[in-house]
Amino acid sequence: MPRLLKAPEGATSFSYQGREFTIAEDGTIELDDDAAEAAKAHGFRDDDANETDTSEKKPRPRALPDEELAEFARRENEIIEYEVKRALGPNPTQEMRDAIALVRGHSMRLGAMLLDMPEPRARATAAGRQARSLGKQDRDKVIDAALLAEPNEAPKRILELINTKLEQFGIKTASLAHLYERRKILGLSDQES
């Protein structure tokens, strides 16, 4: 049985199981039960549920200044692009690209929904970022530990592993030159390969 839902502000269409649904000018969309349940997970609401207090809601201030938010988004996009290329391999088909684009879109919608929860908001505050941040000393500790664990391994070979660990902690990645610097400080021999 078709259900009438109210779309989130700014939405123009909704896609479900390969079908595209257009949102009417009044912001409503008619969907079958399965599609309606999926749409509700993306911010759509029963038509009468959105009528109540939308005018009373005030926009929440951003936890990050615009410049920091843009930089964060740029870095996250670079990571996503890298992982997508790695997952698709050297000769991806159009079907593979479309599947990745679909997953990416759903992930972004899910991320936006999760940002409205209290825990991520707290982590996005200046105090939350400061509490999570690891400074240069901590960055060097991660690098040094990896270098000391593999003292005879060439830095070129372990750079990706080290940078993956650094990214997991939200720390700026290292350059090959920085690894050679750290090796010199630790008294390890210089190898190249």
N, C-alpha and C. Protein backbone atom coordinates (compact mmCIF):
# COMPACT_ATOMS: atom_id res chain seq x y z
N MET A 1 0.84 -1.18 0.00
CA MET A 1 0.00 0.00 0.00
C MET A 1 0.89 1.25 0.00
N PRO A 2 0.64 2.18 -0.91
CA PRO A 2 1.48 3.38 -0.99
C PRO A 2 1.37 4.25 0.27
N ARG A 3 2.51 4.84 0.63
CA ARG A 3 2.55 5.74 1.79
C ARG A 3 3.10 7.08 1.34
N LEU A 4 2.55 8.14 1.91
CA LEU A 4 2.99 9.49 1.60
C LEU A 4 3.97 9.94 2.69
N LEU A 5 5.18 10.28 2.27
CA LEU A 5 6.21 10.74 3.21
C LEU A 5 6.63 12.16 2.86
N LYS A 6 7.14 12.84 3.87
CA LYS A 6 7.69 14.18 3.70
C LYS A 6 9.21 14.03 3.59
N ALA A 7 9.79 14.60 2.55
CA ALA A 7 11.23 14.49 2.32
C ALA A 7 12.00 15.46 3.18
N PRO A 8 13.26 15.14 3.51
CA PRO A 8 14.10 16.11 4.23
C PRO A 8 14.28 17.37 3.36
N GLU A 9 14.49 18.49 3.99
CA GLU A 9 14.65 19.74 3.26
C GLU A 9 15.83 19.64 2.30
N GLY A 10 15.61 20.06 1.08
CA GLY A 10 16.67 20.07 0.08
C GLY A 10 16.74 18.81 -0.77
N ALA A 11 16.05 17.74 -0.37
CA ALA A 11 16.07 16.51 -1.14
C ALA A 11 15.21 16.67 -2.39
N THR A 12 15.67 16.13 -3.51
CA THR A 12 14.92 16.23 -4.76
C THR A 12 14.50 14.88 -5.31
N SER A 13 15.15 13.82 -4.83
CA SER A 13 14.79 12.48 -5.29
C SER A 13 15.23 11.46 -4.26
N PHE A 14 14.81 10.22 -4.47
CA PHE A 14 15.17 9.12 -3.58
C PHE A 14 15.33 7.88 -4.44
N SER A 15 16.37 7.11 -4.17
CA SER A 15 16.65 5.90 -4.92
C SER A 15 16.54 4.70 -4.00
N TYR A 16 15.84 3.66 -4.46
CA TYR A 16 15.68 2.45 -3.66
C TYR A 16 15.68 1.25 -4.60
N GLN A 17 16.59 0.32 -4.36
CA GLN A 17 16.73 -0.90 -5.15
C GLN A 17 16.76 -0.61 -6.65
N GLY A 18 17.53 0.38 -7.02
CA GLY A 18 17.71 0.72 -8.42
C GLY A 18 16.60 1.55 -9.03
N ARG A 19 15.56 1.87 -8.26
CA ARG A 19 14.46 2.69 -8.77
C ARG A 19 14.61 4.11 -8.24
N GLU A 20 14.37 5.07 -9.11
CA GLU A 20 14.49 6.49 -8.75
C GLU A 20 13.08 7.05 -8.54
N PHE A 21 12.87 7.73 -7.40
CA PHE A 21 11.58 8.35 -7.09
C PHE A 21 11.81 9.86 -7.00
N THR A 22 10.96 10.62 -7.67
CA THR A 22 11.07 12.08 -7.65
C THR A 22 10.18 12.65 -6.55
N ILE A 23 10.68 13.64 -5.86
CA ILE A 23 9.94 14.29 -4.79
C ILE A 23 9.11 15.42 -5.39
N ALA A 24 7.86 15.48 -5.00
CA ALA A 24 6.95 16.52 -5.51
C ALA A 24 7.37 17.90 -5.02
N GLU A 25 6.84 18.94 -5.66
CA GLU A 25 7.19 20.31 -5.30
C GLU A 25 6.82 20.65 -3.86
N ASP A 26 5.79 19.98 -3.32
CA ASP A 26 5.39 20.25 -1.93
C ASP A 26 6.25 19.48 -0.92
N GLY A 27 7.27 18.75 -1.43
CA GLY A 27 8.19 18.04 -0.55
C GLY A 27 7.72 16.66 -0.14
N THR A 28 6.69 16.14 -0.79
CA THR A 28 6.20 14.81 -0.45
C THR A 28 6.59 13.80 -1.51
N ILE A 29 6.54 12.54 -1.13
CA ILE A 29 6.87 11.46 -2.04
C ILE A 29 6.00 10.27 -1.67
N GLU A 30 5.49 9.56 -2.68
CA GLU A 30 4.65 8.41 -2.45
C GLU A 30 5.47 7.15 -2.73
N LEU A 31 5.57 6.28 -1.72
CA LEU A 31 6.39 5.07 -1.83
C LEU A 31 5.63 3.86 -1.32
N ASP A 32 6.03 2.66 -1.81
CA ASP A 32 5.46 1.44 -1.24
C ASP A 32 6.07 1.22 0.14
N ASP A 33 5.56 0.27 0.91
CA ASP A 33 5.98 0.07 2.31
C ASP A 33 7.48 -0.17 2.46
N ASP A 34 8.05 -1.06 1.61
CA ASP A 34 9.48 -1.36 1.72
C ASP A 34 10.33 -0.12 1.45
N ALA A 35 10.01 0.58 0.36
CA ALA A 35 10.77 1.78 0.02
C ALA A 35 10.58 2.86 1.08
N ALA A 36 9.37 2.95 1.64
CA ALA A 36 9.10 3.95 2.67
C ALA A 36 9.95 3.70 3.91
N GLU A 37 10.07 2.44 4.32
CA GLU A 37 10.90 2.12 5.49
C GLU A 37 12.35 2.50 5.23
N ALA A 38 12.85 2.21 4.03
CA ALA A 38 14.23 2.57 3.68
C ALA A 38 14.38 4.10 3.67
N ALA A 39 13.37 4.78 3.13
CA ALA A 39 13.44 6.25 3.06
C ALA A 39 13.45 6.87 4.46
N LYS A 40 12.71 6.27 5.39
CA LYS A 40 12.67 6.80 6.75
C LYS A 40 14.05 6.73 7.40
N ALA A 41 14.84 5.74 7.00
CA ALA A 41 16.21 5.63 7.52
C ALA A 41 17.10 6.76 7.00
N HIS A 42 16.64 7.46 5.96
CA HIS A 42 17.41 8.56 5.37
C HIS A 42 16.79 9.92 5.66
N GLY A 43 15.94 9.99 6.69
CA GLY A 43 15.41 11.28 7.11
C GLY A 43 14.02 11.62 6.61
N PHE A 44 13.41 10.76 5.81
CA PHE A 44 12.04 11.00 5.37
C PHE A 44 11.12 10.69 6.55
N ARG A 45 9.99 11.40 6.63
CA ARG A 45 9.04 11.21 7.73
C ARG A 45 7.63 11.09 7.16
N ASP A 46 6.75 10.43 7.93
CA ASP A 46 5.34 10.39 7.53
C ASP A 46 4.89 11.82 7.35
N ASP A 47 4.07 12.06 6.34
CA ASP A 47 3.69 13.42 5.96
C ASP A 47 3.16 14.23 7.13
N ASP A 48 2.33 13.65 7.98
CA ASP A 48 1.77 14.41 9.10
C ASP A 48 2.76 14.57 10.25
N ALA A 49 3.84 13.81 10.30
CA ALA A 49 4.80 13.89 11.41
C ALA A 49 5.68 15.13 11.31
N ASN A 50 5.90 15.65 10.13
CA ASN A 50 6.79 16.80 9.95
C ASN A 50 6.08 18.13 10.12
N GLU A 51 4.78 18.12 10.22
CA GLU A 51 4.01 19.36 10.26
C GLU A 51 4.15 20.11 11.58
N THR A 52 4.55 19.45 12.66
CA THR A 52 4.45 20.01 14.00
C THR A 52 5.39 21.16 14.29
N ASP A 53 6.67 20.90 14.54
CA ASP A 53 7.51 21.95 15.11
C ASP A 53 8.69 22.34 14.24
N THR A 54 8.58 22.24 12.93
CA THR A 54 9.73 22.57 12.08
C THR A 54 10.11 24.05 12.19
N SER A 55 9.16 24.94 12.43
CA SER A 55 9.47 26.36 12.52
C SER A 55 10.20 26.70 13.82
N GLU A 56 10.05 25.86 14.84
CA GLU A 56 10.67 26.14 16.13
C GLU A 56 12.12 25.67 16.20
N LYS A 57 12.52 24.78 15.30
CA LYS A 57 13.88 24.26 15.34
C LYS A 57 14.86 25.33 14.90
N LYS A 58 15.94 25.45 15.66
CA LYS A 58 16.99 26.40 15.31
C LYS A 58 18.17 25.60 14.79
N PRO A 59 18.87 26.12 13.79
CA PRO A 59 20.04 25.39 13.31
C PRO A 59 21.11 25.31 14.39
N ARG A 60 21.72 24.14 14.50
CA ARG A 60 22.76 23.92 15.49
C ARG A 60 24.06 24.54 14.96
N PRO A 61 24.80 25.26 15.79
CA PRO A 61 26.05 25.84 15.31
C PRO A 61 27.05 24.74 15.00
N ARG A 62 27.90 25.01 14.04
CA ARG A 62 28.92 24.03 13.66
C ARG A 62 30.00 23.96 14.72
N ALA A 63 30.50 22.74 14.96
CA ALA A 63 31.57 22.55 15.92
C ALA A 63 32.92 22.93 15.30
N LEU A 64 33.02 22.87 13.99
CA LEU A 64 34.26 23.19 13.30
C LEU A 64 34.09 24.47 12.49
N PRO A 65 35.08 25.33 12.46
CA PRO A 65 35.02 26.48 11.56
C PRO A 65 34.99 25.97 10.11
N ASP A 66 34.48 26.77 9.20
CA ASP A 66 34.34 26.36 7.81
C ASP A 66 35.65 25.86 7.20
N GLU A 67 36.76 26.55 7.50
CA GLU A 67 38.05 26.16 6.91
C GLU A 67 38.46 24.76 7.38
N GLU A 68 38.31 24.51 8.68
CA GLU A 68 38.67 23.20 9.23
C GLU A 68 37.74 22.12 8.68
N LEU A 69 36.47 22.44 8.57
CA LEU A 69 35.50 21.48 8.05
C LEU A 69 35.84 21.14 6.60
N ALA A 70 36.20 22.15 5.80
CA ALA A 70 36.56 21.91 4.40
C ALA A 70 37.82 21.05 4.31
N GLU A 71 38.81 21.33 5.15
CA GLU A 71 40.04 20.53 5.15
C GLU A 71 39.76 19.10 5.57
N PHE A 72 38.95 18.92 6.59
CA PHE A 72 38.58 17.59 7.06
C PHE A 72 37.87 16.82 5.94
N ALA A 73 36.93 17.47 5.27
CA ALA A 73 36.19 16.83 4.18
C ALA A 73 37.13 16.47 3.03
N ARG A 74 38.07 17.35 2.72
CA ARG A 74 39.03 17.08 1.64
C ARG A 74 39.88 15.86 1.96
N ARG A 75 40.38 15.78 3.21
CA ARG A 75 41.20 14.63 3.60
C ARG A 75 40.40 13.33 3.58
N GLU A 76 39.18 13.39 4.09
CA GLU A 76 38.33 12.20 4.08
C GLU A 76 38.06 11.75 2.65
N ASN A 77 37.82 12.71 1.76
CA ASN A 77 37.57 12.37 0.36
C ASN A 77 38.79 11.73 -0.28
N GLU A 78 39.99 12.21 0.05
CA GLU A 78 41.21 11.61 -0.48
C GLU A 78 41.34 10.16 -0.03
N ILE A 79 41.03 9.89 1.23
CA ILE A 79 41.10 8.53 1.75
C ILE A 79 40.08 7.65 1.03
N ILE A 80 38.87 8.17 0.87
CA ILE A 80 37.83 7.40 0.18
C ILE A 80 38.27 7.09 -1.25
N GLU A 81 38.77 8.09 -1.96
CA GLU A 81 39.21 7.89 -3.35
C GLU A 81 40.31 6.83 -3.42
N TYR A 82 41.27 6.91 -2.50
CA TYR A 82 42.36 5.93 -2.47
C TYR A 82 41.81 4.52 -2.26
N GLU A 83 40.92 4.36 -1.28
CA GLU A 83 40.38 3.04 -0.98
C GLU A 83 39.49 2.52 -2.11
N VAL A 84 38.76 3.40 -2.76
CA VAL A 84 37.92 2.99 -3.89
C VAL A 84 38.81 2.47 -5.02
N LYS A 85 39.86 3.21 -5.35
CA LYS A 85 40.77 2.77 -6.41
C LYS A 85 41.42 1.44 -6.06
N ARG A 86 41.78 1.29 -4.80
CA ARG A 86 42.40 0.04 -4.35
C ARG A 86 41.41 -1.12 -4.45
N ALA A 87 40.16 -0.88 -4.08
CA ALA A 87 39.15 -1.93 -4.11
C ALA A 87 38.77 -2.31 -5.54
N LEU A 88 38.70 -1.32 -6.43
CA LEU A 88 38.28 -1.59 -7.80
C LEU A 88 39.36 -2.26 -8.64
N GLY A 89 40.61 -2.03 -8.31
CA GLY A 89 41.68 -2.62 -9.09
C GLY A 89 41.98 -1.82 -10.34
N PRO A 90 42.85 -2.36 -11.19
CA PRO A 90 43.31 -1.58 -12.35
C PRO A 90 42.28 -1.43 -13.48
N ASN A 91 41.37 -2.37 -13.66
CA ASN A 91 40.42 -2.31 -14.78
C ASN A 91 38.98 -2.49 -14.31
N PRO A 92 38.43 -1.52 -13.60
CA PRO A 92 37.07 -1.69 -13.09
C PRO A 92 36.02 -1.57 -14.19
N THR A 93 34.96 -2.33 -14.08
CA THR A 93 33.85 -2.23 -15.02
C THR A 93 32.94 -1.07 -14.59
N GLN A 94 32.05 -0.65 -15.47
CA GLN A 94 31.12 0.42 -15.12
C GLN A 94 30.19 -0.04 -14.00
N GLU A 95 29.83 -1.33 -14.01
CA GLU A 95 28.96 -1.87 -12.96
C GLU A 95 29.65 -1.77 -11.59
N MET A 96 30.96 -2.04 -11.55
CA MET A 96 31.71 -1.93 -10.30
C MET A 96 31.75 -0.47 -9.83
N ARG A 97 31.99 0.45 -10.75
CA ARG A 97 32.03 1.88 -10.40
C ARG A 97 30.68 2.34 -9.85
N ASP A 98 29.59 1.89 -10.51
CA ASP A 98 28.25 2.27 -10.07
C ASP A 98 27.96 1.71 -8.67
N ALA A 99 28.39 0.47 -8.42
CA ALA A 99 28.15 -0.13 -7.10
C ALA A 99 28.89 0.64 -6.01
N ILE A 100 30.13 1.02 -6.29
CA ILE A 100 30.91 1.80 -5.32
C ILE A 100 30.26 3.16 -5.09
N ALA A 101 29.78 3.80 -6.15
CA ALA A 101 29.13 5.10 -6.01
C ALA A 101 27.88 4.99 -5.15
N LEU A 102 27.14 3.90 -5.31
CA LEU A 102 25.94 3.68 -4.51
C LEU A 102 26.30 3.49 -3.04
N VAL A 103 27.31 2.68 -2.77
CA VAL A 103 27.75 2.46 -1.39
C VAL A 103 28.23 3.76 -0.78
N ARG A 104 28.97 4.53 -1.55
CA ARG A 104 29.50 5.81 -1.07
C ARG A 104 28.36 6.76 -0.70
N GLY A 105 27.34 6.84 -1.53
CA GLY A 105 26.21 7.72 -1.26
C GLY A 105 25.47 7.31 0.01
N HIS A 106 25.24 6.02 0.16
CA HIS A 106 24.55 5.55 1.36
C HIS A 106 25.40 5.79 2.61
N SER A 107 26.70 5.62 2.49
CA SER A 107 27.60 5.86 3.62
C SER A 107 27.56 7.32 4.05
N MET A 108 27.54 8.21 3.07
CA MET A 108 27.50 9.63 3.39
C MET A 108 26.19 10.00 4.07
N ARG A 109 25.09 9.43 3.59
CA ARG A 109 23.80 9.70 4.23
C ARG A 109 23.81 9.19 5.66
N LEU A 110 24.35 8.00 5.86
CA LEU A 110 24.41 7.42 7.19
C LEU A 110 25.28 8.29 8.10
N GLY A 111 26.40 8.75 7.59
CA GLY A 111 27.27 9.63 8.37
C GLY A 111 26.57 10.91 8.78
N ALA A 112 25.79 11.48 7.88
CA ALA A 112 25.05 12.70 8.20
C ALA A 112 24.03 12.43 9.30
N MET A 113 23.39 11.27 9.26
CA MET A 113 22.41 10.94 10.30
C MET A 113 23.11 10.75 11.64
N LEU A 114 24.27 10.10 11.63
CA LEU A 114 24.98 9.85 12.88
C LEU A 114 25.53 11.12 13.50
N LEU A 115 25.84 12.12 12.67
CA LEU A 115 26.34 13.38 13.20
C LEU A 115 25.31 14.09 14.05
N ASP A 116 24.06 13.72 13.90
CA ASP A 116 23.03 14.36 14.69
C ASP A 116 22.89 13.74 16.08
N MET A 117 23.71 12.72 16.38
CA MET A 117 23.67 12.08 17.69
C MET A 117 24.63 12.79 18.63
N PRO A 118 24.43 12.70 19.95
CA PRO A 118 25.26 13.44 20.90
C PRO A 118 26.73 13.05 20.91
N GLU A 119 27.05 11.77 20.74
CA GLU A 119 28.45 11.34 20.85
C GLU A 119 29.34 11.97 19.78
N PRO A 120 28.96 11.88 18.48
CA PRO A 120 29.82 12.52 17.48
C PRO A 120 29.89 14.03 17.63
N ARG A 121 28.79 14.65 18.09
CA ARG A 121 28.82 16.10 18.29
C ARG A 121 29.86 16.46 19.35
N ALA A 122 29.92 15.66 20.43
CA ALA A 122 30.89 15.94 21.49
C ALA A 122 32.31 15.78 20.97
N ARG A 123 32.53 14.77 20.11
CA ARG A 123 33.87 14.56 19.57
C ARG A 123 34.27 15.66 18.60
N ALA A 124 33.30 16.35 18.04
CA ALA A 124 33.59 17.40 17.06
C ALA A 124 33.87 18.75 17.71
N THR A 125 33.71 18.87 19.02
CA THR A 125 33.99 20.14 19.68
C THR A 125 35.49 20.34 19.79
N ALA A 126 35.89 21.57 20.07
CA ALA A 126 37.32 21.87 20.19
C ALA A 126 37.94 21.03 21.32
N ALA A 127 37.24 20.91 22.44
CA ALA A 127 37.76 20.11 23.55
C ALA A 127 37.87 18.64 23.17
N GLY A 128 36.91 18.16 22.42
CA GLY A 128 36.94 16.77 21.97
C GLY A 128 38.10 16.51 21.03
N ARG A 129 38.33 17.45 20.11
CA ARG A 129 39.46 17.30 19.17
C ARG A 129 40.78 17.34 19.93
N GLN A 130 40.88 18.25 20.90
CA GLN A 130 42.11 18.38 21.66
C GLN A 130 42.37 17.11 22.47
N ALA A 131 41.32 16.55 23.06
CA ALA A 131 41.48 15.33 23.86
C ALA A 131 41.91 14.16 23.00
N ARG A 132 41.46 14.11 21.73
CA ARG A 132 41.79 13.00 20.84
C ARG A 132 43.12 13.19 20.13
N SER A 133 43.52 14.42 19.98
CA SER A 133 44.67 14.67 19.12
C SER A 133 45.95 14.12 19.72
N LEU A 134 46.76 13.65 18.83
CA LEU A 134 48.09 13.17 19.23
C LEU A 134 49.10 14.09 18.56
N GLY A 135 49.97 14.65 19.35
CA GLY A 135 50.93 15.62 18.83
C GLY A 135 52.08 14.98 18.08
N LYS A 136 53.02 15.81 17.75
CA LYS A 136 54.19 15.34 17.00
C LYS A 136 54.93 14.25 17.74
N GLN A 137 55.04 14.36 19.06
CA GLN A 137 55.74 13.33 19.83
C GLN A 137 55.06 11.98 19.67
N ASP A 138 53.74 11.97 19.75
CA ASP A 138 53.01 10.72 19.61
C ASP A 138 53.13 10.17 18.19
N ARG A 139 53.16 11.07 17.21
CA ARG A 139 53.34 10.66 15.82
C ARG A 139 54.69 9.96 15.67
N ASP A 140 55.73 10.58 16.24
CA ASP A 140 57.05 9.98 16.15
C ASP A 140 57.14 8.66 16.92
N LYS A 141 56.39 8.53 18.01
CA LYS A 141 56.37 7.26 18.75
C LYS A 141 55.83 6.14 17.88
N VAL A 142 54.76 6.42 17.13
CA VAL A 142 54.18 5.41 16.24
C VAL A 142 55.19 5.05 15.15
N ILE A 143 55.82 6.06 14.57
CA ILE A 143 56.80 5.83 13.51
C ILE A 143 58.00 5.06 14.06
N ASP A 144 58.51 5.49 15.20
CA ASP A 144 59.68 4.83 15.80
C ASP A 144 59.39 3.37 16.13
N ALA A 145 58.21 3.10 16.67
CA ALA A 145 57.86 1.72 17.01
C ALA A 145 57.86 0.85 15.77
N ALA A 146 57.31 1.36 14.68
CA ALA A 146 57.27 0.58 13.44
C ALA A 146 58.68 0.38 12.88
N LEU A 147 59.51 1.43 12.93
CA LEU A 147 60.87 1.32 12.43
C LEU A 147 61.70 0.35 13.27
N LEU A 148 61.53 0.41 14.59
CA LEU A 148 62.29 -0.48 15.47
C LEU A 148 61.82 -1.93 15.36
N ALA A 149 60.54 -2.12 15.04
CA ALA A 149 60.02 -3.48 14.88
C ALA A 149 60.60 -4.14 13.63
N GLU A 150 60.92 -3.33 12.63
CA GLU A 150 61.49 -3.82 11.37
C GLU A 150 62.76 -3.02 11.05
N PRO A 151 63.83 -3.16 11.86
CA PRO A 151 65.00 -2.29 11.69
C PRO A 151 65.74 -2.48 10.37
N ASN A 152 65.61 -3.65 9.75
CA ASN A 152 66.33 -3.89 8.49
C ASN A 152 65.46 -3.66 7.26
N GLU A 153 64.21 -3.30 7.47
CA GLU A 153 63.29 -3.07 6.35
C GLU A 153 63.50 -1.66 5.81
N ALA A 154 63.48 -1.54 4.50
CA ALA A 154 63.63 -0.23 3.87
C ALA A 154 62.40 0.63 4.15
N PRO A 155 62.59 1.91 4.47
CA PRO A 155 61.45 2.79 4.76
C PRO A 155 60.39 2.82 3.66
N LYS A 156 60.84 2.72 2.40
CA LYS A 156 59.87 2.72 1.29
C LYS A 156 58.87 1.59 1.44
N ARG A 157 59.33 0.46 1.94
CA ARG A 157 58.46 -0.72 2.05
C ARG A 157 57.48 -0.63 3.21
N ILE A 158 57.81 0.11 4.25
CA ILE A 158 56.90 0.16 5.41
C ILE A 158 56.16 1.50 5.54
N LEU A 159 56.41 2.40 4.60
CA LEU A 159 55.76 3.71 4.64
C LEU A 159 54.23 3.58 4.65
N GLU A 160 53.68 2.73 3.78
CA GLU A 160 52.22 2.58 3.70
C GLU A 160 51.66 2.02 5.02
N LEU A 161 52.34 1.06 5.60
CA LEU A 161 51.90 0.48 6.87
C LEU A 161 51.90 1.55 7.98
N ILE A 162 52.96 2.31 8.05
CA ILE A 162 53.06 3.38 9.06
C ILE A 162 51.96 4.41 8.86
N ASN A 163 51.76 4.84 7.62
CA ASN A 163 50.73 5.86 7.36
C ASN A 163 49.33 5.34 7.65
N THR A 164 49.09 4.05 7.44
CA THR A 164 47.80 3.46 7.78
C THR A 164 47.57 3.54 9.29
N LYS A 165 48.61 3.23 10.06
CA LYS A 165 48.50 3.32 11.52
C LYS A 165 48.28 4.77 11.96
N LEU A 166 49.01 5.69 11.36
CA LEU A 166 48.85 7.10 11.71
C LEU A 166 47.43 7.59 11.40
N GLU A 167 46.90 7.19 10.24
CA GLU A 167 45.54 7.59 9.87
C GLU A 167 44.52 7.03 10.86
N GLN A 168 44.76 5.81 11.36
CA GLN A 168 43.85 5.22 12.32
C GLN A 168 43.75 6.08 13.58
N PHE A 169 44.84 6.73 13.94
CA PHE A 169 44.86 7.59 15.12
C PHE A 169 44.51 9.04 14.79
N GLY A 170 44.25 9.31 13.52
CA GLY A 170 43.91 10.67 13.12
C GLY A 170 45.12 11.58 13.10
N ILE A 171 46.30 11.00 12.91
CA ILE A 171 47.54 11.77 12.90
C ILE A 171 47.98 12.00 11.46
N LYS A 172 48.60 13.14 11.21
CA LYS A 172 49.11 13.47 9.89
C LYS A 172 50.06 12.37 9.43
N THR A 173 49.93 11.97 8.15
CA THR A 173 50.78 10.90 7.63
C THR A 173 52.22 11.39 7.46
N ALA A 174 53.12 10.43 7.36
CA ALA A 174 54.56 10.73 7.27
C ALA A 174 55.04 10.66 5.83
N SER A 175 56.06 11.40 5.55
CA SER A 175 56.70 11.33 4.23
C SER A 175 57.88 10.37 4.33
N LEU A 176 58.36 9.95 3.19
CA LEU A 176 59.52 9.06 3.16
C LEU A 176 60.74 9.77 3.77
N ALA A 177 60.88 11.04 3.50
CA ALA A 177 62.00 11.82 4.06
C ALA A 177 61.94 11.82 5.59
N HIS A 178 60.72 11.93 6.15
CA HIS A 178 60.58 11.92 7.61
C HIS A 178 60.98 10.56 8.18
N LEU A 179 60.66 9.47 7.47
CA LEU A 179 61.06 8.14 7.95
C LEU A 179 62.59 8.01 7.97
N TYR A 180 63.24 8.52 6.93
CA TYR A 180 64.70 8.47 6.92
C TYR A 180 65.28 9.31 8.06
N GLU A 181 64.66 10.47 8.34
CA GLU A 181 65.08 11.31 9.47
C GLU A 181 64.98 10.54 10.78
N ARG A 182 63.84 9.87 10.98
CA ARG A 182 63.62 9.11 12.22
C ARG A 182 64.60 7.96 12.32
N ARG A 183 64.91 7.30 11.20
CA ARG A 183 65.89 6.20 11.21
C ARG A 183 67.26 6.71 11.65
N LYS A 184 67.62 7.89 11.16
CA LYS A 184 68.91 8.48 11.51
C LYS A 184 68.95 8.78 13.01
N ILE A 185 67.86 9.36 13.55
CA ILE A 185 67.79 9.67 14.97
C ILE A 185 67.88 8.41 15.82
N LEU A 186 67.24 7.33 15.33
CA LEU A 186 67.26 6.05 16.07
C LEU A 186 68.56 5.27 15.88
N GLY A 187 69.43 5.75 14.97
CA GLY A 187 70.70 5.07 14.74
C GLY A 187 70.57 3.83 13.88
N LEU A 188 69.56 3.76 13.05
CA LEU A 188 69.37 2.62 12.15
C LEU A 188 70.08 2.92 10.84
N SER A 189 70.56 1.88 10.16
CA SER A 189 71.28 2.09 8.90
C SER A 189 70.32 2.52 7.81
N ASP A 190 70.83 3.31 6.87
CA ASP A 190 70.00 3.76 5.75
C ASP A 190 70.00 2.70 4.68
N GLN A 191 68.79 2.28 4.30
CA GLN A 191 68.63 1.31 3.21
C GLN A 191 67.73 1.93 2.18
N GLU A 192 67.93 1.58 0.97
CA GLU A 192 67.02 2.00 -0.08
C GLU A 192 66.68 0.82 -0.93
N SER A 193 65.41 0.80 -1.32
CA SER A 193 64.98 -0.20 -2.30
C SER A 193 63.71 0.25 -2.93
